Amino acid sequence: MNFHHIAGAACRALMARKDGPSLYDVCDPVLSKYDGGDHHIGKFYRTALGNPALRPLLRRTGLAELRDGERLAGLQQALIRARDDAAPDWDAIGRPVAALLDSIALKHPNPPAAPTAGRMPDIAEIEAAIRTCGAHLLRSYSRNGFIPTYAAFNLIGDPDCGGRELLMALNGIDARGYKNSTLLFNLARVFIARSPARALINPPWRGVAEPMWEPVQIRHRSAYYDAFFTEALLSFIETGLASADQANAARRAIADLVEFCVVTSKEEVRARDGAPFHVITALPPAPHPRFSRFFAQIKQDLGFGIYVPDCDTTACSFSAATQAGSTDPILEQPLIDFYAGYQVGGGSNEPRVTVPLNNNIDYDGGIVTWIDNLAGERPFGNDLDPTLNLDVLEVSFRNLARWKVIETPQRLTTVQRIIGFQKRLALSGAFRNPRSHIYYLPELYCAYFGRCYAAFMALPPTAQRTIDPDGAFDLIRRNVLAYVEDELIAAEINAFDAALALIALGHLGASAASFTPALQCIIRQLGEGGRRGPFKAYEWNKMKTPTRILVGGPEVTSAFVLMGLALARRALTGRN
């Protein structure tokens, strides 16, 4: 997005012809100032939507259908009920907003076909890029005392979230503040999508993963991120391309990252049978997430005050600690027993998926996302993500002997049911569909399946046959490779897309020749990040509610590029 695009989009938004009530005409009379009721919804409105930066862009965008006085009054009455009712009927409140939301059309990226691949980059170019990415991660750790990741709001929202999904979320999430933010963000989405400001807030981009070029990015730290930075630094050491000083610095950083994962972020919860269990929380208490004071208050004001542990952060943290050789006692817990209590089946735990945004897939055998804390809080309700379930399998394979998975029939059944869930995704092709995923893109699912497949293939052949007697992993591998080779890298990609493609191709044993488009993309885009790093920040993961919140950063891109290039180098040279 260049200056002319920004200036033109801003000018058109500021000079648009208003043809109906604006967002502020709707909300100011009921949410700007009031006595009684829920104070949070007004604070959220003033902070997130009525702020001086957004108001000029949207004040001239009106909706013609709201010139109907009865419809406008109905929408405002819904907001008043959300504000004032002690026990709001969220389904009734959400319906006027849902009807407006269905008037907009958003699409997932559909990149054009890529030109014919040319020359395979030289090994020297690949190794230089690995060194650049490794140095970037170590430099960032040295400067910050951790490796940061960033969150950014894309206010236009997710293409998979329409009126139906809004009502699902309002009925399925628990915290009132989170319901408030979901309701108001989705109302704002309508005005943004039907405004010239749309071109400024959601400009086009190259590839699939969205670049994080929003002006406000919130820096923070989480065990989930530290787990993957651990894997990247381990990969850097294993290539042998780090200098002696860099290797030592990487080992010190890894020790700190692992401690943050399994010690600082540890939280006690109760398993389904009431037994105490230690898991890993998404965001530990302050000051550990390293928010600025300003953004810590903004987070609270926007309704994100409570975070609970989640199954994905727990799995990835245990995996990173295992790979790093940690001896922390937390790893002795048979995590798969805990996950069994969060596994969806046809019985009493089926209602655990309270926010079924991706109910186009069969959940049976899958593990849900969020873990109840000791107080029983579950502010986000619960959902189920396919990629998360790959992480559960991966950590189970890495700790197969320690947790006696094969020797314990119940544990083996839990693992096999997750594999069955993944097999159905592959057979149906649903893993290709962005709607099937809650927090990730299909291309990231492919990369994470590559990690999972590598951990599976590292097991003894007898263990592989016991776990997967029907050859599900081979079936999934073929389907994932077909998607990556025939769809993902056959189209135009960006550096993050390319890194994920290389991770999938490298782990799944693709032919070395198939690496060419992704390697060319990475070498071509090296340096695009300017002073912030070798590459730009791209969408790593996201939340679809309360609006589209992207997570990533320049360091994240460097980490995934490093891991992808290391796998490509090994395939091309036979060296780690």
Protein backbone atom coordinates (compact mmCIF):
# COMPACT_ATOMS: atom_id res chain seq x y z
CA MET A 1 0.00 0.00 0.00
CA ASN A 2 1.69 3.21 -1.17
CA PHE A 3 1.18 6.85 -0.22
CA HIS A 4 -1.09 7.56 -3.18
CA HIS A 5 -3.39 4.68 -2.22
CA ILE A 6 -3.56 5.89 1.39
CA ALA A 7 -4.13 9.52 0.46
CA GLY A 8 -6.75 8.72 -2.17
CA ALA A 9 -8.69 6.38 0.11
CA ALA A 10 -8.62 8.87 2.99
CA CYS A 11 -9.75 11.73 0.77
CA ARG A 12 -12.67 9.74 -0.63
CA ALA A 13 -13.76 8.73 2.88
CA LEU A 14 -13.60 12.31 4.17
CA MET A 15 -15.58 13.68 1.22
CA ALA A 16 -18.13 10.89 0.75
CA ARG A 17 -21.76 11.80 0.12
CA LYS A 18 -23.81 10.80 3.13
CA ASP A 19 -27.03 9.00 2.18
CA GLY A 20 -28.38 7.91 5.55
CA PRO A 21 -27.65 7.78 9.29
CA SER A 22 -24.01 7.09 10.13
CA LEU A 23 -22.60 4.83 12.82
CA TYR A 24 -22.41 7.86 15.07
CA ASP A 25 -25.96 8.95 14.33
CA VAL A 26 -27.03 5.49 15.47
CA CYS A 27 -24.82 5.12 18.53
CA ASP A 28 -24.10 8.57 19.95
CA PRO A 29 -27.64 9.14 21.31
CA VAL A 30 -27.62 5.88 23.27
CA LEU A 31 -23.97 5.12 24.06
CA SER A 32 -22.06 8.40 24.38
CA LYS A 33 -23.55 9.49 27.71
CA TYR A 34 -26.01 7.68 29.94
CA ASP A 35 -26.75 6.89 33.57
CA GLY A 36 -27.15 3.39 34.93
CA GLY A 37 -26.95 0.24 32.85
CA ASP A 38 -23.75 -1.51 31.83
CA HIS A 39 -20.90 1.00 31.87
CA HIS A 40 -18.64 -1.17 29.72
CA ILE A 41 -20.56 -0.96 26.46
CA GLY A 42 -20.35 2.83 26.49
CA LYS A 43 -16.67 2.83 27.36
CA PHE A 44 -16.02 0.32 24.58
CA TYR A 45 -17.93 2.43 22.06
CA ARG A 46 -16.05 5.61 22.96
CA THR A 47 -12.65 3.87 22.99
CA ALA A 48 -12.88 1.57 19.99
CA LEU A 49 -15.36 3.18 17.60
CA GLY A 50 -16.01 6.77 18.65
CA ASN A 51 -12.36 7.77 18.90
CA PRO A 52 -10.98 10.83 17.08
CA ALA A 53 -8.99 8.72 14.59
CA LEU A 54 -11.90 6.64 13.26
CA ARG A 55 -14.74 9.14 13.54
CA PRO A 56 -13.64 11.43 10.65
CA LEU A 57 -13.32 8.42 8.33
CA LEU A 58 -16.80 7.09 9.01
CA ARG A 59 -18.87 10.14 9.89
CA ARG A 60 -19.97 10.63 6.27
CA THR A 61 -20.85 6.99 5.65
CA GLY A 62 -24.57 6.42 6.05
CA LEU A 63 -26.86 3.46 5.38
CA ALA A 64 -29.81 4.28 3.16
CA GLU A 65 -32.02 1.61 4.76
CA LEU A 66 -31.72 3.37 8.12
CA ARG A 67 -33.60 6.34 6.70
CA ASP A 68 -36.56 4.13 7.59
CA GLY A 69 -37.35 5.54 11.02
CA GLU A 70 -38.82 2.30 12.30
CA ARG A 71 -35.73 0.32 11.37
CA LEU A 72 -33.42 2.90 12.92
CA ALA A 73 -35.47 2.93 16.12
CA GLY A 74 -35.37 -0.88 16.27
CA LEU A 75 -31.58 -0.89 15.96
CA GLN A 76 -31.19 1.76 18.66
CA GLN A 77 -33.62 -0.10 20.92
CA ALA A 78 -31.46 -3.21 20.57
CA LEU A 79 -28.42 -1.20 21.71
CA ILE A 80 -30.40 0.19 24.64
CA ARG A 81 -31.36 -3.33 25.71
CA ALA A 82 -27.70 -4.42 25.47
CA ARG A 83 -26.85 -1.40 27.62
CA ASP A 84 -29.60 -1.56 30.24
CA ASP A 85 -30.99 -5.09 30.62
CA ALA A 86 -29.70 -7.06 33.57
CA ALA A 87 -29.95 -10.30 31.57
CA PRO A 88 -30.02 -9.27 27.90
CA ASP A 89 -31.66 -11.45 25.26
CA TRP A 90 -28.61 -11.46 22.99
CA ASP A 91 -30.34 -13.31 20.18
CA ALA A 92 -33.02 -10.63 19.92
CA ILE A 93 -30.46 -7.84 20.38
CA GLY A 94 -28.20 -9.23 17.67
CA ARG A 95 -30.84 -9.73 14.96
CA PRO A 96 -31.03 -6.10 13.71
CA VAL A 97 -27.22 -6.01 13.47
CA ALA A 98 -27.10 -9.45 11.84
CA ALA A 99 -29.54 -8.30 9.15
CA LEU A 100 -27.31 -5.33 8.33
CA LEU A 101 -24.19 -7.52 8.42
CA ASP A 102 -25.64 -9.77 5.73
CA SER A 103 -25.75 -6.76 3.39
CA ILE A 104 -21.96 -6.76 2.98
CA ALA A 105 -19.83 -9.17 0.96
CA LEU A 106 -16.24 -9.95 1.93
CA LYS A 107 -14.01 -12.48 0.19
CA HIS A 108 -10.94 -14.44 1.09
CA PRO A 109 -7.81 -13.74 -0.97
CA ASN A 110 -7.77 -15.39 -4.38
CA PRO A 111 -4.27 -14.73 -5.73
CA PRO A 112 -3.72 -14.98 -9.48
CA ALA A 113 -1.63 -17.75 -10.97
CA ALA A 114 2.09 -17.35 -10.46
CA PRO A 115 4.45 -17.01 -13.43
CA THR A 116 6.46 -20.06 -14.37
CA ALA A 117 9.17 -20.75 -11.83
CA GLY A 118 12.69 -19.99 -12.94
CA ARG A 119 16.06 -20.73 -11.37
CA MET A 120 16.39 -22.44 -8.01
CA PRO A 121 18.23 -20.05 -5.65
CA ASP A 122 21.79 -20.97 -4.81
CA ILE A 123 22.57 -22.71 -1.52
CA ALA A 124 24.72 -19.70 -0.63
CA GLU A 125 21.66 -17.41 -0.95
CA ILE A 126 19.58 -19.75 1.19
CA GLU A 127 22.26 -19.95 3.88
CA ALA A 128 22.71 -16.18 3.91
CA ALA A 129 18.97 -15.74 4.44
CA ILE A 130 19.02 -18.27 7.31
CA ARG A 131 21.85 -16.34 8.98
CA THR A 132 19.98 -13.06 8.50
CA CYS A 133 16.81 -14.42 10.12
CA GLY A 134 18.70 -16.04 13.00
CA ALA A 135 20.61 -12.83 13.68
CA HIS A 136 17.34 -10.88 13.63
CA LEU A 137 15.77 -13.11 16.30
CA LEU A 138 18.83 -12.93 18.53
CA ARG A 139 19.14 -9.17 18.08
CA SER A 140 15.49 -8.70 19.01
CA TYR A 141 15.86 -10.89 22.09
CA SER A 142 18.96 -8.98 23.19
CA ARG A 143 17.25 -5.61 22.71
CA ASN A 144 13.90 -6.47 24.34
CA GLY A 145 14.69 -9.24 26.80
CA PHE A 146 12.17 -11.39 24.91
CA ILE A 147 11.07 -11.80 21.29
CA PRO A 148 7.95 -9.71 20.74
CA THR A 149 4.84 -10.46 18.76
CA TYR A 150 2.14 -7.97 17.80
CA ALA A 151 -1.64 -7.85 17.56
CA ALA A 152 -3.58 -5.58 15.21
CA PHE A 153 -7.28 -5.03 14.60
CA ASN A 154 -8.68 -5.28 11.09
CA LEU A 155 -12.02 -3.58 11.65
CA ILE A 156 -13.61 -4.85 8.45
CA GLY A 157 -13.81 -8.28 10.06
CA ASP A 158 -13.49 -11.81 8.75
CA PRO A 159 -15.15 -12.97 5.52
CA ASP A 160 -16.49 -16.04 7.31
CA CYS A 161 -18.41 -14.02 9.88
CA GLY A 162 -21.85 -12.88 8.72
CA GLY A 163 -25.14 -12.44 10.51
CA ARG A 164 -25.45 -16.14 11.33
CA GLU A 165 -22.01 -16.23 12.91
CA LEU A 166 -22.67 -13.03 14.88
CA LEU A 167 -25.69 -14.64 16.52
CA MET A 168 -23.67 -17.79 17.23
CA ALA A 169 -21.03 -15.71 18.99
CA LEU A 170 -23.47 -13.60 20.99
CA ASN A 171 -25.22 -16.73 22.22
CA GLY A 172 -22.08 -18.81 22.76
CA ILE A 173 -19.52 -16.59 24.45
CA ASP A 174 -19.92 -15.94 28.18
CA ALA A 175 -18.40 -12.62 29.21
CA ARG A 176 -20.72 -9.65 28.83
CA GLY A 177 -17.87 -7.36 27.87
CA TYR A 178 -16.89 -9.73 25.07
CA LYS A 179 -20.50 -9.81 23.87
CA ASN A 180 -20.55 -5.99 23.91
CA SER A 181 -17.40 -5.77 21.81
CA THR A 182 -18.65 -8.43 19.39
CA LEU A 183 -21.96 -6.62 18.90
CA LEU A 184 -20.45 -3.18 18.33
CA PHE A 185 -17.51 -4.28 16.20
CA ASN A 186 -19.90 -6.10 13.90
CA LEU A 187 -22.18 -3.09 13.64
CA ALA A 188 -19.15 -0.97 12.71
CA ARG A 189 -18.11 -3.54 10.08
CA VAL A 190 -21.23 -2.72 8.07
CA PHE A 191 -20.40 0.97 7.87
CA ILE A 192 -16.73 0.30 7.11
CA ALA A 193 -17.45 -2.20 4.34
CA ARG A 194 -19.91 0.20 2.70
CA SER A 195 -17.63 3.22 3.01
CA PRO A 196 -14.77 4.52 0.86
CA ALA A 197 -12.74 4.02 4.06
CA ARG A 198 -12.84 0.30 3.22
CA ALA A 199 -9.95 0.79 0.78
CA LEU A 200 -7.89 2.38 3.57
CA ILE A 201 -8.76 -0.07 6.34
CA ASN A 202 -8.62 -3.21 4.18
CA PRO A 203 -6.41 -2.62 1.13
CA PRO A 204 -5.54 -5.49 -1.24
CA TRP A 205 -2.37 -7.50 -0.73
CA ARG A 206 -0.20 -10.09 -2.43
CA GLY A 207 -0.60 -13.73 -1.43
CA VAL A 208 -2.78 -15.33 1.23
CA ALA A 209 -1.48 -14.31 4.68
CA GLU A 210 -2.50 -10.73 5.38
CA PRO A 211 0.28 -8.16 5.92
CA MET A 212 -0.09 -6.34 9.23
CA TRP A 213 0.16 -2.78 8.00
CA GLU A 214 -2.43 -1.31 10.34
CA PRO A 215 -1.01 1.77 12.10
CA VAL A 216 -1.63 0.47 15.64
CA GLN A 217 0.08 -2.77 16.61
CA ILE A 218 0.04 -4.00 20.20
CA ARG A 219 3.31 -5.58 21.31
CA HIS A 220 3.05 -8.46 23.79
CA ARG A 221 4.48 -11.79 24.91
CA SER A 222 2.82 -15.19 25.25
CA ALA A 223 4.00 -18.73 25.88
CA TYR A 224 2.47 -19.73 22.54
CA TYR A 225 4.85 -17.39 20.72
CA ASP A 226 7.83 -18.31 22.86
CA ALA A 227 7.28 -21.98 22.01
CA PHE A 228 7.68 -21.32 18.28
CA PHE A 229 10.60 -18.96 18.76
CA THR A 230 12.22 -21.82 20.70
CA GLU A 231 11.74 -24.13 17.71
CA ALA A 232 13.19 -21.52 15.35
CA LEU A 233 16.30 -20.99 17.48
CA LEU A 234 16.77 -24.74 17.83
CA SER A 235 16.56 -24.97 14.05
CA PHE A 236 19.17 -22.21 13.69
CA ILE A 237 21.59 -24.08 15.96
CA GLU A 238 20.97 -27.37 14.14
CA THR A 239 21.88 -25.87 10.75
CA GLY A 240 25.41 -25.23 11.98
CA LEU A 241 25.21 -21.76 10.38
CA ALA A 242 25.21 -19.85 13.68
CA SER A 243 28.56 -18.56 14.88
CA ALA A 244 29.83 -19.84 18.22
CA ASP A 245 28.67 -16.64 19.93
CA GLN A 246 25.27 -16.85 18.23
CA ALA A 247 24.83 -20.49 19.20
CA ASN A 248 25.59 -19.68 22.84
CA ALA A 249 23.21 -16.71 22.76
CA ALA A 250 20.53 -18.90 21.19
CA ARG A 251 20.90 -21.52 23.94
CA ARG A 252 20.53 -18.84 26.64
CA ALA A 253 17.47 -17.45 24.89
CA ILE A 254 15.96 -20.93 24.54
CA ALA A 255 16.39 -21.59 28.26
CA ASP A 256 14.58 -18.35 29.06
CA LEU A 257 11.80 -18.96 26.53
CA VAL A 258 11.16 -22.45 27.86
CA GLU A 259 11.08 -21.19 31.44
CA PHE A 260 8.52 -18.57 30.42
CA CYS A 261 6.43 -21.32 28.83
CA VAL A 262 6.39 -23.94 31.59
CA VAL A 263 7.10 -21.92 34.74
CA THR A 264 6.01 -18.30 34.36
CA SER A 265 2.88 -19.16 32.35
CA LYS A 266 1.92 -22.23 34.39
CA GLU A 267 -1.58 -22.28 35.84
CA GLU A 268 -3.36 -24.88 37.95
CA VAL A 269 -6.77 -26.09 36.81
CA ARG A 270 -8.94 -29.14 37.43
CA ALA A 271 -9.24 -32.09 35.07
CA ARG A 272 -12.69 -33.55 34.37
CA ASP A 273 -12.29 -35.95 37.28
CA GLY A 274 -11.43 -33.07 39.62
CA ALA A 275 -7.73 -33.87 39.85
CA PRO A 276 -5.34 -30.87 39.86
CA PHE A 277 -3.43 -30.32 36.64
CA HIS A 278 -0.95 -27.71 35.45
CA VAL A 279 -1.56 -26.18 32.03
CA ILE A 280 -0.28 -23.08 30.25
CA THR A 281 -2.24 -19.85 30.19
CA ALA A 282 -2.62 -17.73 27.08
CA LEU A 283 -1.55 -14.54 28.86
CA PRO A 284 0.00 -14.70 32.34
CA PRO A 285 -0.66 -11.88 34.82
CA ALA A 286 1.05 -8.51 34.47
CA PRO A 287 3.83 -7.61 34.00
CA HIS A 288 4.74 -10.78 32.09
CA PRO A 289 2.79 -10.11 28.85
CA ARG A 290 4.88 -6.92 28.48
CA PHE A 291 2.04 -4.68 27.34
CA SER A 292 2.72 -0.98 27.52
CA ARG A 293 0.76 0.77 30.28
CA PHE A 294 -1.37 2.44 27.60
CA PHE A 295 -2.33 -0.79 25.85
CA ALA A 296 -2.83 -2.66 29.13
CA GLN A 297 -5.59 -0.17 29.96
CA ILE A 298 -6.99 -0.29 26.42
CA LYS A 299 -7.14 -4.10 26.65
CA GLN A 300 -9.14 -3.81 29.86
CA ASP A 301 -11.46 -1.17 28.39
CA LEU A 302 -12.16 -3.28 25.30
CA GLY A 303 -13.35 -6.23 27.36
CA PHE A 304 -10.30 -8.47 27.24
CA GLY A 305 -9.58 -8.38 30.95
CA ILE A 306 -9.77 -12.13 31.61
CA TYR A 307 -7.71 -14.69 29.72
CA VAL A 308 -7.96 -18.38 30.49
CA PRO A 309 -5.61 -21.24 29.61
CA ASP A 310 -5.99 -22.91 26.24
CA CYS A 311 -5.20 -26.32 24.83
CA ASP A 312 -3.01 -25.00 22.00
CA THR A 313 -0.67 -22.87 24.12
CA THR A 314 -0.35 -25.81 26.50
CA ALA A 315 0.47 -28.32 23.73
CA CYS A 316 3.01 -26.07 21.99
CA SER A 317 4.71 -25.11 25.25
CA PHE A 318 5.06 -28.76 26.32
CA SER A 319 6.38 -29.59 22.85
CA ALA A 320 8.98 -26.81 22.85
CA ALA A 321 10.14 -27.76 26.31
CA THR A 322 10.44 -31.39 25.24
CA GLN A 323 12.45 -30.49 22.14
CA ALA A 324 14.75 -28.28 24.22
CA GLY A 325 15.49 -31.13 26.61
CA SER A 326 13.71 -29.62 29.61
CA THR A 327 13.46 -31.73 32.76
CA ASP A 328 10.71 -29.65 34.34
CA PRO A 329 8.30 -31.89 36.31
CA ILE A 330 5.31 -30.42 34.45
CA LEU A 331 6.21 -32.62 31.47
CA GLU A 332 5.61 -35.78 33.51
CA GLN A 333 1.89 -35.06 33.56
CA PRO A 334 0.15 -37.22 30.94
CA LEU A 335 -1.34 -34.27 29.10
CA ILE A 336 -3.39 -36.55 26.85
CA ASP A 337 -5.48 -37.56 29.90
CA PHE A 338 -6.39 -33.94 30.48
CA TYR A 339 -7.27 -33.42 26.83
CA ALA A 340 -9.59 -36.43 26.89
CA GLY A 341 -11.93 -34.38 29.09
CA TYR A 342 -12.11 -31.72 26.38
CA GLN A 343 -12.65 -34.13 23.49
CA VAL A 344 -15.91 -33.80 21.61
CA GLY A 345 -18.11 -36.82 21.09
CA GLY A 346 -21.74 -37.72 20.77
CA GLY A 347 -22.20 -37.69 24.55
CA SER A 348 -22.50 -35.11 27.29
CA ASN A 349 -19.51 -33.04 26.20
CA GLU A 350 -20.92 -32.24 22.73
CA PRO A 351 -22.29 -28.83 23.91
CA ARG A 352 -18.72 -27.78 24.77
CA VAL A 353 -18.53 -26.17 21.31
CA THR A 354 -20.65 -23.15 22.15
CA VAL A 355 -19.35 -20.97 19.28
CA PRO A 356 -19.54 -23.32 16.27
CA LEU A 357 -18.44 -20.84 13.60
CA ASN A 358 -16.95 -23.73 11.61
CA ASN A 359 -19.81 -26.20 11.94
CA ASN A 360 -19.33 -27.14 8.30
CA ILE A 361 -16.95 -29.81 9.70
CA ASP A 362 -17.59 -32.86 11.88
CA TYR A 363 -16.21 -32.16 15.36
CA ASP A 364 -16.25 -35.75 16.62
CA GLY A 365 -12.88 -36.64 18.14
CA GLY A 366 -11.60 -33.06 18.19
CA ILE A 367 -10.29 -31.19 21.24
CA VAL A 368 -11.84 -27.79 22.02
CA THR A 369 -9.76 -24.65 22.53
CA TRP A 370 -10.35 -23.04 25.93
CA ILE A 371 -9.74 -24.50 29.38
CA ASP A 372 -11.88 -23.54 32.37
CA ASN A 373 -9.80 -21.80 35.04
CA LEU A 374 -10.12 -22.61 38.73
CA ALA A 375 -12.90 -20.05 39.08
CA GLY A 376 -14.85 -21.80 36.34
CA GLU A 377 -14.59 -18.80 34.00
CA ARG A 378 -14.86 -19.34 30.25
CA PRO A 379 -15.22 -15.81 28.83
CA PHE A 380 -14.88 -16.84 25.18
CA GLY A 381 -17.25 -19.81 25.41
CA ASN A 382 -15.57 -22.56 23.40
CA ASP A 383 -14.74 -23.45 19.83
CA LEU A 384 -12.81 -26.16 18.02
CA ASP A 385 -9.90 -25.61 15.63
CA PRO A 386 -8.35 -28.30 13.38
CA THR A 387 -4.81 -26.91 13.59
CA LEU A 388 -4.87 -26.93 17.39
CA ASN A 389 -5.63 -30.64 17.21
CA LEU A 390 -2.49 -31.23 15.14
CA ASP A 391 -0.50 -29.66 17.98
CA VAL A 392 -2.14 -32.04 20.46
CA LEU A 393 -1.07 -34.99 18.31
CA GLU A 394 2.44 -33.62 17.83
CA VAL A 395 3.12 -33.20 21.55
CA SER A 396 1.63 -36.64 22.23
CA PHE A 397 4.03 -38.23 19.75
CA ARG A 398 7.01 -36.43 21.27
CA ASN A 399 6.02 -37.74 24.72
CA LEU A 400 4.66 -41.11 23.63
CA ALA A 401 6.91 -43.19 25.88
CA ARG A 402 6.89 -40.78 28.81
CA TRP A 403 3.08 -40.72 28.91
CA LYS A 404 2.73 -44.44 28.08
CA VAL A 405 0.23 -43.64 25.37
CA ILE A 406 0.40 -47.00 23.60
CA GLU A 407 0.40 -48.95 26.85
CA THR A 408 -2.74 -47.19 28.11
CA PRO A 409 -5.83 -48.07 26.04
CA GLN A 410 -7.76 -44.92 27.00
CA ARG A 411 -4.87 -42.66 25.94
CA LEU A 412 -4.41 -44.52 22.67
CA THR A 413 -8.13 -44.19 21.93
CA THR A 414 -8.01 -40.42 22.58
CA VAL A 415 -5.12 -40.04 20.11
CA GLN A 416 -6.77 -42.25 17.49
CA ARG A 417 -10.03 -40.30 17.70
CA ILE A 418 -8.12 -37.06 16.98
CA ILE A 419 -6.49 -38.78 14.01
CA GLY A 420 -9.95 -39.81 12.81
CA PHE A 421 -11.08 -36.19 13.05
CA GLN A 422 -8.10 -35.13 10.89
CA LYS A 423 -8.68 -37.95 8.39
CA ARG A 424 -12.24 -36.78 7.75
CA LEU A 425 -10.96 -33.26 7.11
CA ALA A 426 -8.56 -34.60 4.51
CA LEU A 427 -11.07 -36.91 2.83
CA SER A 428 -13.66 -34.15 2.53
CA GLY A 429 -11.13 -31.52 1.49
CA ALA A 430 -12.52 -29.28 4.26
CA PHE A 431 -9.00 -28.41 5.48
CA ARG A 432 -8.64 -26.29 2.30
CA ASN A 433 -11.62 -24.13 3.26
CA PRO A 434 -10.86 -21.08 5.44
CA ARG A 435 -14.31 -21.47 7.03
CA SER A 436 -13.15 -24.75 8.59
CA HIS A 437 -10.56 -22.95 10.70
CA ILE A 438 -11.06 -20.68 13.70
CA TYR A 439 -7.59 -19.25 14.37
CA TYR A 440 -5.51 -20.14 11.31
CA LEU A 441 -5.34 -20.23 7.54
CA PRO A 442 -5.39 -23.49 5.55
CA GLU A 443 -1.75 -22.94 4.59
CA LEU A 444 -0.77 -22.82 8.25
CA TYR A 445 -2.70 -26.04 8.84
CA CYS A 446 -0.50 -27.61 6.15
CA ALA A 447 2.71 -26.41 7.78
CA TYR A 448 1.58 -27.63 11.19
CA PHE A 449 0.58 -30.98 9.73
CA GLY A 450 4.17 -31.16 8.45
CA ARG A 451 5.45 -30.70 12.03
CA CYS A 452 3.02 -33.32 13.27
CA TYR A 453 3.93 -35.76 10.49
CA ALA A 454 7.64 -35.38 11.24
CA ALA A 455 7.03 -36.21 14.91
CA PHE A 456 4.96 -39.23 13.86
CA MET A 457 7.62 -40.50 11.44
CA ALA A 458 10.27 -40.21 14.17
CA LEU A 459 8.44 -42.94 16.13
CA PRO A 460 9.46 -46.60 15.80
CA PRO A 461 7.60 -48.37 12.97
CA THR A 462 5.75 -50.61 15.42
CA ALA A 463 4.44 -47.56 17.27
CA GLN A 464 3.36 -45.97 13.99
CA ARG A 465 1.38 -49.06 13.04
CA THR A 466 -0.27 -49.27 16.45
CA ILE A 467 -1.30 -45.62 16.43
CA ASP A 468 -2.37 -45.49 12.79
CA PRO A 469 -3.26 -48.99 11.55
CA ASP A 470 -5.38 -47.63 8.67
CA GLY A 471 -2.73 -45.36 7.13
CA ALA A 472 -4.54 -42.09 7.90
CA PHE A 473 -1.27 -40.12 8.05
CA ASP A 474 -0.26 -41.19 4.57
CA LEU A 475 -3.70 -40.20 3.24
CA ILE A 476 -3.56 -36.79 4.90
CA ARG A 477 0.01 -36.29 3.65
CA ARG A 478 -1.05 -36.84 0.04
CA ASN A 479 -3.95 -34.42 0.31
CA VAL A 480 -1.90 -31.71 2.02
CA LEU A 481 0.94 -32.00 -0.52
CA ALA A 482 -1.56 -31.74 -3.38
CA TYR A 483 -2.98 -28.53 -1.92
CA VAL A 484 0.44 -26.95 -1.32
CA GLU A 485 1.91 -27.90 -4.71
CA ASP A 486 -1.16 -27.44 -6.92
CA GLU A 487 -2.89 -24.49 -5.26
CA LEU A 488 -0.79 -22.56 -2.74
CA ILE A 489 2.54 -22.19 -4.58
CA ALA A 490 0.88 -22.31 -8.00
CA ALA A 491 -0.48 -18.83 -7.21
CA GLU A 492 1.26 -15.60 -6.24
CA ILE A 493 2.54 -15.80 -2.67
CA ASN A 494 4.26 -13.58 -0.14
CA ALA A 495 7.19 -14.41 2.13
CA PHE A 496 5.06 -15.84 4.93
CA ASP A 497 3.07 -18.01 2.53
CA ALA A 498 6.36 -19.22 1.12
CA ALA A 499 7.76 -20.10 4.55
CA LEU A 500 4.69 -22.15 5.43
CA ALA A 501 4.84 -23.91 2.07
CA LEU A 502 8.49 -24.85 2.65
CA ILE A 503 7.72 -26.23 6.12
CA ALA A 504 4.99 -28.44 4.67
CA LEU A 505 7.04 -29.51 1.63
CA GLY A 506 10.17 -30.16 3.67
CA HIS A 507 8.53 -32.23 6.38
CA LEU A 508 6.33 -34.17 3.96
CA GLY A 509 9.14 -35.29 1.67
CA ALA A 510 8.22 -33.35 -1.47
CA SER A 511 10.61 -33.30 -4.39
CA ALA A 512 13.31 -30.65 -4.07
CA ALA A 513 12.25 -29.10 -7.38
CA SER A 514 8.87 -28.17 -5.88
CA PHE A 515 10.64 -25.79 -3.46
CA THR A 516 11.62 -23.38 -6.22
CA PRO A 517 8.65 -20.93 -6.19
CA ALA A 518 8.73 -20.55 -2.40
CA LEU A 519 12.51 -20.14 -2.28
CA GLN A 520 12.43 -17.58 -5.07
CA CYS A 521 9.75 -15.59 -3.23
CA ILE A 522 11.71 -15.51 0.02
CA ILE A 523 15.00 -14.51 -1.60
CA ARG A 524 13.23 -11.88 -3.71
CA GLN A 525 11.44 -10.33 -0.72
CA LEU A 526 14.40 -10.43 1.67
CA GLY A 527 14.85 -6.88 2.93
CA GLU A 528 11.20 -5.86 2.54
CA GLY A 529 10.89 -5.24 6.29
CA GLY A 530 13.19 -2.22 6.25
CA ARG A 531 14.52 -1.24 9.65
CA ARG A 532 12.14 -3.55 11.54
CA GLY A 533 13.62 -6.77 10.17
CA PRO A 534 14.34 -8.80 7.04
CA PHE A 535 10.61 -9.25 6.32
CA LYS A 536 7.31 -7.57 7.00
CA ALA A 537 4.81 -8.68 9.62
CA TYR A 538 2.15 -11.07 8.31
CA GLU A 539 -0.88 -12.84 9.68
CA TRP A 540 0.25 -15.84 11.71
CA ASN A 541 -2.97 -16.47 13.57
CA LYS A 542 -6.15 -14.55 14.21
CA MET A 543 -9.36 -14.30 16.14
CA LYS A 544 -12.59 -14.03 14.16
CA THR A 545 -14.48 -12.55 17.11
CA PRO A 546 -15.09 -9.88 18.27
CA THR A 547 -13.62 -8.77 14.94
CA ARG A 548 -10.65 -9.87 12.88
CA ILE A 549 -7.62 -9.54 15.17
CA LEU A 550 -4.35 -10.54 13.52
CA VAL A 551 -1.26 -11.73 15.37
CA GLY A 552 2.22 -11.76 13.89
CA GLY A 553 5.28 -9.57 13.58
CA PRO A 554 8.60 -9.19 11.76
CA GLU A 555 10.21 -11.61 14.22
CA VAL A 556 7.46 -14.16 13.57
CA THR A 557 8.12 -13.98 9.84
CA SER A 558 11.85 -14.41 10.42
CA ALA A 559 11.21 -17.45 12.64
CA PHE A 560 9.02 -19.24 10.09
CA VAL A 561 11.25 -18.30 7.16
CA LEU A 562 14.26 -19.65 9.08
CA MET A 563 12.51 -22.96 9.78
CA GLY A 564 11.30 -23.28 6.19
CA LEU A 565 14.71 -22.50 4.70
CA ALA A 566 16.45 -24.92 7.07
CA LEU A 567 14.18 -27.73 5.84
CA ALA A 568 14.73 -26.77 2.21
CA ARG A 569 18.50 -26.66 2.71
CA ARG A 570 18.44 -30.12 4.28
CA ALA A 571 16.45 -31.52 1.35
CA LEU A 572 18.73 -29.89 -1.21
CA THR A 573 22.04 -30.81 0.42
CA GLY A 574 21.31 -33.69 2.77
CA ARG A 575 22.62 -31.58 5.67
CA ASN A 576 20.78 -30.24 8.73
